[in-house]
Amino acid sequence: MTQVNWFEIPAQDVGRAVEFYGTVLGEPLGEMDGPDGQMHVFMGADGPAGQLAQGEPVAGGVTIYLDCADIDAALGRVEAAGGAVVQTRTSIGPFGFVGQFTDSEGNTVALHTGL
């Protein structure tokens, strides 16, 4: 079973975006320490489910992270399926590993494993 286990919404001004989403959703975003400093997170039933990420919005905007036990194997199949690898398996410290690819339709999708 494949599931979305994380998402990132890019924000040029994270403080402004924190205020916006807190207002729209009617509750403040959570905060936690991340690999690159303080993270502003959307809380799910089981803890953090996504974050506001400092950066310029890109085509497509939101990045979803699909749960994937073997990122290297999955990325190894991307080109043959008509996509392109954007980021090879990369450590995010105690949060596991990620990798990214563009799919056959031009969408950028990320993979995540806690292993």
PDB file of N, CA and C in Angstrom:
ATOM      1  N   MET A   1       0.849  -1.175   0.000  1.00  0.00           N
ATOM      2  CA  MET A   1       0.000   0.000   0.000  1.00  0.00           C
ATOM      3  C   MET A   1       0.896   1.240   0.000  1.00  0.00           C
ATOM      4  N   THR A   2       0.661   2.137  -0.939  1.00  0.00           N
ATOM      5  CA  THR A   2       1.410   3.392  -1.012  1.00  0.00           C
ATOM      6  C   THR A   2       0.617   4.478  -0.321  1.00  0.00           C
ATOM      7  N   GLN A   3       1.318   5.272   0.474  1.00  0.00           N
ATOM      8  CA  GLN A   3       0.642   6.376   1.130  1.00  0.00           C
ATOM      9  C   GLN A   3       1.527   7.603   1.133  1.00  0.00           C
ATOM     10  N   VAL A   4       0.894   8.764   1.168  1.00  0.00           N
ATOM     11  CA  VAL A   4       1.620  10.016   1.328  1.00  0.00           C
ATOM     12  C   VAL A   4       2.004  10.098   2.793  1.00  0.00           C
ATOM     13  N   ASN A   5       3.302  10.267   3.063  1.00  0.00           N
ATOM     14  CA  ASN A   5       3.699  10.362   4.466  1.00  0.00           C
ATOM     15  C   ASN A   5       4.309  11.710   4.819  1.00  0.00           C
ATOM     16  N   TRP A   6       4.356  12.639   3.858  1.00  0.00           N
ATOM     17  CA  TRP A   6       4.878  13.979   4.141  1.00  0.00           C
ATOM     18  C   TRP A   6       4.538  14.875   2.961  1.00  0.00           C
ATOM     19  N   PHE A   7       4.439  16.171   3.198  1.00  0.00           N
ATOM     20  CA  PHE A   7       4.308  17.141   2.110  1.00  0.00           C
ATOM     21  C   PHE A   7       5.015  18.414   2.517  1.00  0.00           C
ATOM     22  N   GLU A   8       5.434  19.174   1.528  1.00  0.00           N
ATOM     23  CA  GLU A   8       6.067  20.461   1.762  1.00  0.00           C
ATOM     24  C   GLU A   8       5.394  21.504   0.892  1.00  0.00           C
ATOM     25  N   ILE A   9       5.054  22.625   1.505  1.00  0.00           N
ATOM     26  CA  ILE A   9       4.498  23.756   0.788  1.00  0.00           C
ATOM     27  C   ILE A   9       5.573  24.841   0.783  1.00  0.00           C
ATOM     28  N   PRO A  10       6.083  25.212  -0.400  1.00  0.00           N
ATOM     29  CA  PRO A  10       7.129  26.235  -0.437  1.00  0.00           C
ATOM     30  C   PRO A  10       6.578  27.602  -0.065  1.00  0.00           C
ATOM     31  N   ALA A  11       7.414  28.390   0.607  1.00  0.00           N
ATOM     32  CA  ALA A  11       7.002  29.731   1.040  1.00  0.00           C
ATOM     33  C   ALA A  11       8.180  30.690   0.924  1.00  0.00           C
ATOM     34  N   GLN A  12       7.969  31.800   0.225  1.00  0.00           N
ATOM     35  CA  GLN A  12       9.006  32.831   0.144  1.00  0.00           C
ATOM     36  C   GLN A  12       9.202  33.499   1.497  1.00  0.00           C
ATOM     37  N   ASP A  13       8.118  33.684   2.235  1.00  0.00           N
ATOM     38  CA  ASP A  13       8.142  34.304   3.551  1.00  0.00           C
ATOM     39  C   ASP A  13       7.444  33.339   4.511  1.00  0.00           C
ATOM     40  N   VAL A  14       8.232  32.526   5.208  1.00  0.00           N
ATOM     41  CA  VAL A  14       7.669  31.482   6.064  1.00  0.00           C
ATOM     42  C   VAL A  14       6.803  32.078   7.169  1.00  0.00           C
ATOM     43  N   GLY A  15       7.228  33.191   7.768  1.00  0.00           N
ATOM     44  CA  GLY A  15       6.433  33.824   8.818  1.00  0.00           C
ATOM     45  C   GLY A  15       5.053  34.221   8.326  1.00  0.00           C
ATOM     46  N   ARG A  16       5.002  34.808   7.151  1.00  0.00           N
ATOM     47  CA  ARG A  16       3.726  35.197   6.556  1.00  0.00           C
ATOM     48  C   ARG A  16       2.876  33.955   6.274  1.00  0.00           C
ATOM     49  N   ALA A  17       3.514  32.882   5.764  1.00  0.00           N
ATOM     50  CA  ALA A  17       2.782  31.653   5.456  1.00  0.00           C
ATOM     51  C   ALA A  17       2.277  30.974   6.725  1.00  0.00           C
ATOM     52  N   VAL A  18       3.054  31.013   7.811  1.00  0.00           N
ATOM     53  CA  VAL A  18       2.614  30.452   9.090  1.00  0.00           C
ATOM     54  C   VAL A  18       1.347  31.161   9.547  1.00  0.00           C
ATOM     55  N   GLU A  19       1.355  32.475   9.458  1.00  0.00           N
ATOM     56  CA  GLU A  19       0.180  33.253   9.864  1.00  0.00           C
ATOM     57  C   GLU A  19      -1.014  32.935   8.954  1.00  0.00           C
ATOM     58  N   PHE A  20      -0.778  32.864   7.643  1.00  0.00           N
ATOM     59  CA  PHE A  20      -1.840  32.577   6.685  1.00  0.00           C
ATOM     60  C   PHE A  20      -2.498  31.235   6.983  1.00  0.00           C
ATOM     61  N   TYR A  21      -1.696  30.163   7.060  1.00  0.00           N
ATOM     62  CA  TYR A  21      -2.266  28.835   7.267  1.00  0.00           C
ATOM     63  C   TYR A  21      -2.897  28.687   8.650  1.00  0.00           C
ATOM     64  N   GLY A  22      -2.316  29.329   9.664  1.00  0.00           N
ATOM     65  CA  GLY A  22      -2.930  29.303  10.989  1.00  0.00           C
ATOM     66  C   GLY A  22      -4.301  29.948  10.986  1.00  0.00           C
ATOM     67  N   THR A  23      -4.411  31.063  10.265  1.00  0.00           N
ATOM     68  CA  THR A  23      -5.697  31.759  10.151  1.00  0.00           C
ATOM     69  C   THR A  23      -6.701  30.929   9.362  1.00  0.00           C
ATOM     70  N   VAL A  24      -6.287  30.437   8.197  1.00  0.00           N
ATOM     71  CA  VAL A  24      -7.192  29.684   7.329  1.00  0.00           C
ATOM     72  C   VAL A  24      -7.672  28.405   8.006  1.00  0.00           C
ATOM     73  N   LEU A  25      -6.761  27.687   8.646  1.00  0.00           N
ATOM     74  CA  LEU A  25      -7.106  26.406   9.264  1.00  0.00           C
ATOM     75  C   LEU A  25      -7.702  26.555  10.658  1.00  0.00           C
ATOM     76  N   GLY A  26      -7.603  27.747  11.233  1.00  0.00           N
ATOM     77  CA  GLY A  26      -8.190  27.990  12.539  1.00  0.00           C
ATOM     78  C   GLY A  26      -7.397  27.404  13.690  1.00  0.00           C
ATOM     79  N   GLU A  27      -6.145  27.074  13.449  1.00  0.00           N
ATOM     80  CA  GLU A  27      -5.270  26.568  14.519  1.00  0.00           C
ATOM     81  C   GLU A  27      -3.824  26.821  14.127  1.00  0.00           C
ATOM     82  N   PRO A  28      -2.977  27.066  15.120  1.00  0.00           N
ATOM     83  CA  PRO A  28      -1.582  27.363  14.799  1.00  0.00           C
ATOM     84  C   PRO A  28      -0.851  26.123  14.287  1.00  0.00           C
ATOM     85  N   LEU A  29       0.166  26.359  13.471  1.00  0.00           N
ATOM     86  CA  LEU A  29       1.029  25.268  13.043  1.00  0.00           C
ATOM     87  C   LEU A  29       1.920  24.871  14.214  1.00  0.00           C
ATOM     88  N   GLY A  30       2.379  23.636  14.200  1.00  0.00           N
ATOM     89  CA  GLY A  30       3.316  23.183  15.216  1.00  0.00           C
ATOM     90  C   GLY A  30       4.732  23.587  14.850  1.00  0.00           C
ATOM     91  N   GLU A  31       5.632  23.422  15.796  1.00  0.00           N
ATOM     92  CA  GLU A  31       7.053  23.689  15.559  1.00  0.00           C
ATOM     93  C   GLU A  31       7.850  22.503  16.039  1.00  0.00           C
ATOM     94  N   MET A  32       8.938  22.213  15.322  1.00  0.00           N
ATOM     95  CA  MET A  32       9.843  21.146  15.746  1.00  0.00           C
ATOM     96  C   MET A  32      11.214  21.403  15.149  1.00  0.00           C
ATOM     97  N   ASP A  33      12.228  20.829  15.759  1.00  0.00           N
ATOM     98  CA  ASP A  33      13.582  20.930  15.237  1.00  0.00           C
ATOM     99  C   ASP A  33      13.717  20.013  14.034  1.00  0.00           C
ATOM    100  N   GLY A  34      14.310  20.521  12.968  1.00  0.00           N
ATOM    101  CA  GLY A  34      14.534  19.737  11.758  1.00  0.00           C
ATOM    102  C   GLY A  34      16.002  19.696  11.404  1.00  0.00           C
ATOM    103  N   PRO A  35      16.353  19.017  10.328  1.00  0.00           N
ATOM    104  CA  PRO A  35      17.764  18.895   9.946  1.00  0.00           C
ATOM    105  C   PRO A  35      18.399  20.230   9.575  1.00  0.00           C
ATOM    106  N   ASP A  36      17.587  21.223   9.158  1.00  0.00           N
ATOM    107  CA  ASP A  36      18.111  22.530   8.780  1.00  0.00           C
ATOM    108  C   ASP A  36      17.640  23.641   9.701  1.00  0.00           C
ATOM    109  N   GLY A  37      17.183  23.291  10.902  1.00  0.00           N
ATOM    110  CA  GLY A  37      16.702  24.294  11.848  1.00  0.00           C
ATOM    111  C   GLY A  37      15.239  24.095  12.185  1.00  0.00           C
ATOM    112  N   GLN A  38      14.615  25.169  12.662  1.00  0.00           N
ATOM    113  CA  GLN A  38      13.224  25.117  13.094  1.00  0.00           C
ATOM    114  C   GLN A  38      12.283  24.858  11.931  1.00  0.00           C
ATOM    115  N   MET A  39      11.343  23.939  12.122  1.00  0.00           N
ATOM    116  CA  MET A  39      10.343  23.618  11.106  1.00  0.00           C
ATOM    117  C   MET A  39       8.969  24.045  11.590  1.00  0.00           C
ATOM    118  N   HIS A  40       8.153  24.545  10.683  1.00  0.00           N
ATOM    119  CA  HIS A  40       6.762  24.895  10.963  1.00  0.00           C
ATOM    120  C   HIS A  40       5.919  23.817  10.302  1.00  0.00           C
ATOM    121  N   VAL A  41       5.218  23.037  11.120  1.00  0.00           N
ATOM    122  CA  VAL A  41       4.598  21.807  10.627  1.00  0.00           C
ATOM    123  C   VAL A  41       3.075  21.802  10.781  1.00  0.00           C
ATOM    124  N   PHE A  42       2.451  21.072   9.851  1.00  0.00           N
ATOM    125  CA  PHE A  42       1.024  20.786   9.914  1.00  0.00           C
ATOM    126  C   PHE A  42       0.888  19.486  10.695  1.00  0.00           C
ATOM    127  N   MET A  43       0.087  19.497  11.737  1.00  0.00           N
ATOM    128  CA  MET A  43      -0.046  18.321  12.586  1.00  0.00           C
ATOM    129  C   MET A  43      -1.137  17.396  12.063  1.00  0.00           C
ATOM    130  N   GLY A  44      -0.807  16.114  11.983  1.00  0.00           N
ATOM    131  CA  GLY A  44      -1.768  15.090  11.615  1.00  0.00           C
ATOM    132  C   GLY A  44      -2.165  14.307  12.848  1.00  0.00           C
ATOM    133  N   ALA A  45      -2.967  13.284  12.687  1.00  0.00           N
ATOM    134  CA  ALA A  45      -3.433  12.478  13.811  1.00  0.00           C
ATOM    135  C   ALA A  45      -2.285  11.799  14.548  1.00  0.00           C
ATOM    136  N   ASP A  46      -1.209  11.462  13.817  1.00  0.00           N
ATOM    137  CA  ASP A  46      -0.089  10.737  14.410  1.00  0.00           C
ATOM    138  C   ASP A  46       1.162  11.595  14.563  1.00  0.00           C
ATOM    139  N   GLY A  47       1.009  12.912  14.524  1.00  0.00           N
ATOM    140  CA  GLY A  47       2.164  13.799  14.629  1.00  0.00           C
ATOM    141  C   GLY A  47       2.310  14.650  13.383  1.00  0.00           C
ATOM    142  N   PRO A  48       3.511  15.235  13.167  1.00  0.00           N
ATOM    143  CA  PRO A  48       3.708  16.100  12.004  1.00  0.00           C
ATOM    144  C   PRO A  48       3.438  15.365  10.689  1.00  0.00           C
ATOM    145  N   ALA A  49       2.716  16.039   9.773  1.00  0.00           N
ATOM    146  CA  ALA A  49       2.355  15.418   8.499  1.00  0.00           C
ATOM    147  C   ALA A  49       2.929  16.171   7.303  1.00  0.00           C
ATOM    148  N   GLY A  50       3.402  17.404   7.518  1.00  0.00           N
ATOM    149  CA  GLY A  50       3.960  18.205   6.442  1.00  0.00           C
ATOM    150  C   GLY A  50       4.480  19.509   6.987  1.00  0.00           C
ATOM    151  N   GLN A  51       5.138  20.293   6.127  1.00  0.00           N
ATOM    152  CA  GLN A  51       5.743  21.530   6.619  1.00  0.00           C
ATOM    153  C   GLN A  51       5.680  22.635   5.583  1.00  0.00           C
ATOM    154  N   LEU A  52       5.890  23.861   6.070  1.00  0.00           N
ATOM    155  CA  LEU A  52       6.160  24.995   5.206  1.00  0.00           C
ATOM    156  C   LEU A  52       7.667  25.010   5.000  1.00  0.00           C
ATOM    157  N   ALA A  53       8.117  25.035   3.750  1.00  0.00           N
ATOM    158  CA  ALA A  53       9.545  24.987   3.440  1.00  0.00           C
ATOM    159  C   ALA A  53       9.993  26.307   2.830  1.00  0.00           C
ATOM    160  N   GLN A  54      11.062  26.875   3.368  1.00  0.00           N
ATOM    161  CA  GLN A  54      11.609  28.121   2.833  1.00  0.00           C
ATOM    162  C   GLN A  54      12.034  27.903   1.395  1.00  0.00           C
ATOM    163  N   GLY A  55      11.537  28.723   0.492  1.00  0.00           N
ATOM    164  CA  GLY A  55      11.950  28.621  -0.898  1.00  0.00           C
ATOM    165  C   GLY A  55      10.940  29.212  -1.841  1.00  0.00           C
ATOM    166  N   GLU A  56      11.372  29.379  -3.057  1.00  0.00           N
ATOM    167  CA  GLU A  56      10.518  29.908  -4.110  1.00  0.00           C
ATOM    168  C   GLU A  56       9.540  28.833  -4.556  1.00  0.00           C
ATOM    169  N   PRO A  57       8.261  29.159  -4.659  1.00  0.00           N
ATOM    170  CA  PRO A  57       7.329  28.190  -5.234  1.00  0.00           C
ATOM    171  C   PRO A  57       7.766  27.829  -6.653  1.00  0.00           C
ATOM    172  N   VAL A  58       7.666  26.577  -6.984  1.00  0.00           N
ATOM    173  CA  VAL A  58       8.035  26.085  -8.310  1.00  0.00           C
ATOM    174  C   VAL A  58       6.783  25.578  -9.006  1.00  0.00           C
ATOM    175  N   ALA A  59       6.902  25.281 -10.272  1.00  0.00           N
ATOM    176  CA  ALA A  59       5.767  24.717 -10.997  1.00  0.00           C
ATOM    177  C   ALA A  59       5.286  23.484 -10.252  1.00  0.00           C
ATOM    178  N   GLY A  60       4.027  23.420  -9.972  1.00  0.00           N
ATOM    179  CA  GLY A  60       3.493  22.299  -9.214  1.00  0.00           C
ATOM    180  C   GLY A  60       3.365  22.620  -7.740  1.00  0.00           C
ATOM    181  N   GLY A  61       4.209  23.541  -7.223  1.00  0.00           N
ATOM    182  CA  GLY A  61       4.076  24.001  -5.850  1.00  0.00           C
ATOM    183  C   GLY A  61       4.385  22.988  -4.777  1.00  0.00           C
ATOM    184  N   VAL A  62       3.414  22.236  -4.364  1.00  0.00           N
ATOM    185  CA  VAL A  62       3.525  21.326  -3.229  1.00  0.00           C
ATOM    186  C   VAL A  62       4.286  20.068  -3.634  1.00  0.00           C
ATOM    187  N   THR A  63       5.184  19.613  -2.762  1.00  0.00           N
ATOM    188  CA  THR A  63       5.885  18.349  -2.983  1.00  0.00           C
ATOM    189  C   THR A  63       5.310  17.313  -2.040  1.00  0.00           C
ATOM    190  N   ILE A  64       4.891  16.181  -2.598  1.00  0.00           N
ATOM    191  CA  ILE A  64       4.441  15.091  -1.733  1.00  0.00           C
ATOM    192  C   ILE A  64       5.561  14.067  -1.622  1.00  0.00           C
ATOM    193  N   TYR A  65       5.606  13.398  -0.490  1.00  0.00           N
ATOM    194  CA  TYR A  65       6.586  12.346  -0.226  1.00  0.00           C
ATOM    195  C   TYR A  65       5.825  11.039  -0.070  1.00  0.00           C
ATOM    196  N   LEU A  66       6.126  10.090  -0.935  1.00  0.00           N
ATOM    197  CA  LEU A  66       5.502   8.775  -0.852  1.00  0.00           C
ATOM    198  C   LEU A  66       6.383   7.866  -0.020  1.00  0.00           C
ATOM    199  N   ASP A  67       5.759   7.073   0.821  1.00  0.00           N
ATOM    200  CA  ASP A  67       6.475   6.094   1.626  1.00  0.00           C
ATOM    201  C   ASP A  67       7.085   5.050   0.690  1.00  0.00           C
ATOM    202  N   CYS A  68       8.375   4.751   0.864  1.00  0.00           N
ATOM    203  CA  CYS A  68       9.068   3.827  -0.039  1.00  0.00           C
ATOM    204  C   CYS A  68      10.173   3.122   0.733  1.00  0.00           C
ATOM    205  N   ALA A  69      10.063   1.822   0.878  1.00  0.00           N
ATOM    206  CA  ALA A  69      11.037   1.062   1.652  1.00  0.00           C
ATOM    207  C   ALA A  69      12.416   1.025   0.998  1.00  0.00           C
ATOM    208  N   ASP A  70      12.502   0.999  -0.340  1.00  0.00           N
ATOM    209  CA  ASP A  70      13.775   0.886  -1.048  1.00  0.00           C
ATOM    210  C   ASP A  70      13.876   1.986  -2.100  1.00  0.00           C
ATOM    211  N   ILE A  71      14.362   3.151  -1.675  1.00  0.00           N
ATOM    212  CA  ILE A  71      14.464   4.309  -2.558  1.00  0.00           C
ATOM    213  C   ILE A  71      15.384   4.036  -3.732  1.00  0.00           C
ATOM    214  N   ASP A  72      16.530   3.403  -3.482  1.00  0.00           N
ATOM    215  CA  ASP A  72      17.470   3.133  -4.568  1.00  0.00           C
ATOM    216  C   ASP A  72      16.833   2.286  -5.660  1.00  0.00           C
ATOM    217  N   ALA A  73      16.112   1.245  -5.284  1.00  0.00           N
ATOM    218  CA  ALA A  73      15.460   0.380  -6.272  1.00  0.00           C
ATOM    219  C   ALA A  73      14.398   1.147  -7.041  1.00  0.00           C
ATOM    220  N   ALA A  74      13.599   1.937  -6.341  1.00  0.00           N
ATOM    221  CA  ALA A  74      12.544   2.705  -7.008  1.00  0.00           C
ATOM    222  C   ALA A  74      13.141   3.710  -7.985  1.00  0.00           C
ATOM    223  N   LEU A  75      14.169   4.446  -7.557  1.00  0.00           N
ATOM    224  CA  LEU A  75      14.796   5.427  -8.443  1.00  0.00           C
ATOM    225  C   LEU A  75      15.459   4.741  -9.633  1.00  0.00           C
ATOM    226  N   GLY A  76      15.926   3.531  -9.429  1.00  0.00           N
ATOM    227  CA  GLY A  76      16.533   2.769 -10.514  1.00  0.00           C
ATOM    228  C   GLY A  76      15.550   2.405 -11.613  1.00  0.00           C
ATOM    229  N   ARG A  77      14.272   2.440 -11.331  1.00  0.00           N
ATOM    230  CA  ARG A  77      13.248   2.112 -12.315  1.00  0.00           C
ATOM    231  C   ARG A  77      12.631   3.342 -12.981  1.00  0.00           C
ATOM    232  N   VAL A  78      12.973   4.538 -12.500  1.00  0.00           N
ATOM    233  CA  VAL A  78      12.330   5.771 -12.970  1.00  0.00           C
ATOM    234  C   VAL A  78      12.557   6.023 -14.454  1.00  0.00           C
ATOM    235  N   GLU A  79      13.813   5.992 -14.916  1.00  0.00           N
ATOM    236  CA  GLU A  79      14.103   6.340 -16.312  1.00  0.00           C
ATOM    237  C   GLU A  79      13.454   5.367 -17.286  1.00  0.00           C
ATOM    238  N   ALA A  80      13.510   4.083 -16.989  1.00  0.00           N
ATOM    239  CA  ALA A  80      12.890   3.089 -17.879  1.00  0.00           C
ATOM    240  C   ALA A  80      11.382   3.287 -17.965  1.00  0.00           C
ATOM    241  N   ALA A  81      10.791   3.879 -16.933  1.00  0.00           N
ATOM    242  CA  ALA A  81       9.348   4.110 -16.920  1.00  0.00           C
ATOM    243  C   ALA A  81       8.961   5.438 -17.571  1.00  0.00           C
ATOM    244  N   GLY A  82       9.963   6.226 -17.978  1.00  0.00           N
ATOM    245  CA  GLY A  82       9.670   7.481 -18.663  1.00  0.00           C
ATOM    246  C   GLY A  82       9.865   8.733 -17.840  1.00  0.00           C
ATOM    247  N   GLY A  83      10.495   8.614 -16.678  1.00  0.00           N
ATOM    248  CA  GLY A  83      10.742   9.771 -15.823  1.00  0.00           C
ATOM    249  C   GLY A  83      12.216  10.106 -15.752  1.00  0.00           C
ATOM    250  N   ALA A  84      12.588  10.946 -14.810  1.00  0.00           N
ATOM    251  CA  ALA A  84      13.984  11.334 -14.619  1.00  0.00           C
ATOM    252  C   ALA A  84      14.255  11.504 -13.124  1.00  0.00           C
ATOM    253  N   VAL A  85      15.401  11.006 -12.680  1.00  0.00           N
ATOM    254  CA  VAL A  85      15.806  11.167 -11.281  1.00  0.00           C
ATOM    255  C   VAL A  85      16.278  12.604 -11.077  1.00  0.00           C
ATOM    256  N   VAL A  86      15.747  13.259 -10.049  1.00  0.00           N
ATOM    257  CA  VAL A  86      16.103  14.633  -9.714  1.00  0.00           C
ATOM    258  C   VAL A  86      17.091  14.651  -8.551  1.00  0.00           C
ATOM    259  N   GLN A  87      16.893  13.754  -7.575  1.00  0.00           N
ATOM    260  CA  GLN A  87      17.746  13.694  -6.389  1.00  0.00           C
ATOM    261  C   GLN A  87      17.914  12.226  -6.015  1.00  0.00           C
ATOM    262  N   THR A  88      19.165  11.771  -5.959  1.00  0.00           N
ATOM    263  CA  THR A  88      19.420  10.403  -5.527  1.00  0.00           C
ATOM    264  C   THR A  88      19.153  10.287  -4.036  1.00  0.00           C
ATOM    265  N   ARG A  89      19.172   9.082  -3.527  1.00  0.00           N
ATOM    266  CA  ARG A  89      18.920   8.829  -2.091  1.00  0.00           C
ATOM    267  C   ARG A  89      19.838   9.713  -1.254  1.00  0.00           C
ATOM    268  N   THR A  90      19.220  10.529  -0.399  1.00  0.00           N
ATOM    269  CA  THR A  90      19.940  11.521   0.389  1.00  0.00           C
ATOM    270  C   THR A  90      19.502  11.442   1.842  1.00  0.00           C
ATOM    271  N   SER A  91      20.457  11.461   2.759  1.00  0.00           N
ATOM    272  CA  SER A  91      20.146  11.407   4.189  1.00  0.00           C
ATOM    273  C   SER A  91      19.520  12.720   4.652  1.00  0.00           C
ATOM    274  N   ILE A  92      18.526  12.593   5.510  1.00  0.00           N
ATOM    275  CA  ILE A  92      17.971  13.760   6.204  1.00  0.00           C
ATOM    276  C   ILE A  92      18.120  13.531   7.713  1.00  0.00           C
ATOM    277  N   GLY A  93      19.261  12.970   8.066  1.00  0.00           N
ATOM    278  CA  GLY A  93      19.601  12.740   9.469  1.00  0.00           C
ATOM    279  C   GLY A  93      18.666  11.752  10.138  1.00  0.00           C
ATOM    280  N   PRO A  94      18.209  12.072  11.347  1.00  0.00           N
ATOM    281  CA  PRO A  94      17.384  11.121  12.095  1.00  0.00           C
ATOM    282  C   PRO A  94      16.007  10.878  11.477  1.00  0.00           C
ATOM    283  N   PHE A  95      15.671  11.640  10.415  1.00  0.00           N
ATOM    284  CA  PHE A  95      14.368  11.490   9.773  1.00  0.00           C
ATOM    285  C   PHE A  95      14.396  10.493   8.625  1.00  0.00           C
ATOM    286  N   GLY A  96      15.564   9.913   8.319  1.00  0.00           N
ATOM    287  CA  GLY A  96      15.664   8.882   7.295  1.00  0.00           C
ATOM    288  C   GLY A  96      16.326   9.362   6.026  1.00  0.00           C
ATOM    289  N   PHE A  97      15.740   8.985   4.882  1.00  0.00           N
ATOM    290  CA  PHE A  97      16.312   9.284   3.573  1.00  0.00           C
ATOM    291  C   PHE A  97      15.206   9.708   2.609  1.00  0.00           C
ATOM    292  N   VAL A  98      15.590  10.537   1.630  1.00  0.00           N
ATOM    293  CA  VAL A  98      14.666  10.969   0.586  1.00  0.00           C
ATOM    294  C   VAL A  98      15.335  10.844  -0.774  1.00  0.00           C
ATOM    295  N   GLY A  99      14.531  10.849  -1.804  1.00  0.00           N
ATOM    296  CA  GLY A  99      14.973  10.916  -3.192  1.00  0.00           C
ATOM    297  C   GLY A  99      13.848  11.555  -3.977  1.00  0.00           C
ATOM    298  N   GLN A 100      14.154  12.142  -5.138  1.00  0.00           N
ATOM    299  CA  GLN A 100      13.107  12.794  -5.928  1.00  0.00           C
ATOM    300  C   GLN A 100      13.244  12.425  -7.397  1.00  0.00           C
ATOM    301  N   PHE A 101      12.109  12.455  -8.084  1.00  0.00           N
ATOM    302  CA  PHE A 101      12.085  12.203  -9.513  1.00  0.00           C
ATOM    303  C   PHE A 101      10.980  13.018 -10.158  1.00  0.00           C
ATOM    304  N   THR A 102      11.068  13.187 -11.482  1.00  0.00           N
ATOM    305  CA  THR A 102       9.936  13.708 -12.233  1.00  0.00           C
ATOM    306  C   THR A 102       9.284  12.508 -12.896  1.00  0.00           C
ATOM    307  N   ASP A 103       7.968  12.519 -12.913  1.00  0.00           N
ATOM    308  CA  ASP A 103       7.240  11.392 -13.485  1.00  0.00           C
ATOM    309  C   ASP A 103       7.029  11.593 -14.982  1.00  0.00           C
ATOM    310  N   SER A 104       6.320  10.689 -15.599  1.00  0.00           N
ATOM    311  CA  SER A 104       6.090  10.737 -17.041  1.00  0.00           C
ATOM    312  C   SER A 104       5.284  11.957 -17.472  1.00  0.00           C
ATOM    313  N   GLU A 105       4.635  12.631 -16.522  1.00  0.00           N
ATOM    314  CA  GLU A 105       3.813  13.805 -16.825  1.00  0.00           C
ATOM    315  C   GLU A 105       4.487  15.114 -16.449  1.00  0.00           C
ATOM    316  N   GLY A 106       5.723  15.048 -15.908  1.00  0.00           N
ATOM    317  CA  GLY A 106       6.456  16.251 -15.530  1.00  0.00           C
ATOM    318  C   GLY A 106       6.293  16.674 -14.092  1.00  0.00           C
ATOM    319  N   ASN A 107       5.567  15.895 -13.286  1.00  0.00           N
ATOM    320  CA  ASN A 107       5.412  16.205 -11.867  1.00  0.00           C
ATOM    321  C   ASN A 107       6.651  15.780 -11.098  1.00  0.00           C
ATOM    322  N   THR A 108       7.049  16.580 -10.113  1.00  0.00           N
ATOM    323  CA  THR A 108       8.135  16.190  -9.227  1.00  0.00           C
ATOM    324  C   THR A 108       7.522  15.534  -8.004  1.00  0.00           C
ATOM    325  N   VAL A 109       7.997  14.326  -7.696  1.00  0.00           N
ATOM    326  CA  VAL A 109       7.491  13.540  -6.564  1.00  0.00           C
ATOM    327  C   VAL A 109       8.706  13.098  -5.757  1.00  0.00           C
ATOM    328  N   ALA A 110       8.545  13.045  -4.443  1.00  0.00           N
ATOM    329  CA  ALA A 110       9.640  12.615  -3.578  1.00  0.00           C
ATOM    330  C   ALA A 110       9.298  11.274  -2.934  1.00  0.00           C
ATOM    331  N   LEU A 111      10.329  10.531  -2.604  1.00  0.00           N
ATOM    332  CA  LEU A 111      10.196   9.268  -1.883  1.00  0.00           C
ATOM    333  C   LEU A 111      10.846   9.438  -0.523  1.00  0.00           C
ATOM    334  N   HIS A 112      10.321   8.766   0.493  1.00  0.00           N
ATOM    335  CA  HIS A 112      10.880   8.847   1.849  1.00  0.00           C
ATOM    336  C   HIS A 112      10.895   7.476   2.496  1.00  0.00           C
ATOM    337  N   THR A 113      11.951   7.211   3.222  1.00  0.00           N
ATOM    338  CA  THR A 113      11.997   6.042   4.100  1.00  0.00           C
ATOM    339  C   THR A 113      12.657   6.458   5.403  1.00  0.00           C
ATOM    340  N   GLY A 114      12.181   5.889   6.481  1.00  0.00           N
ATOM    341  CA  GLY A 114      12.769   6.155   7.789  1.00  0.00           C
ATOM    342  C   GLY A 114      13.974   5.270   8.047  1.00  0.00           C
ATOM    343  N   LEU A 115      14.281   4.349   7.142  1.00  0.00           N
ATOM    344  CA  LEU A 115      15.388   3.409   7.333  1.00  0.00           C
ATOM    345  C   LEU A 115      16.710   3.988   6.921  1.00  0.00           C
TER     346      LEU A 115
END
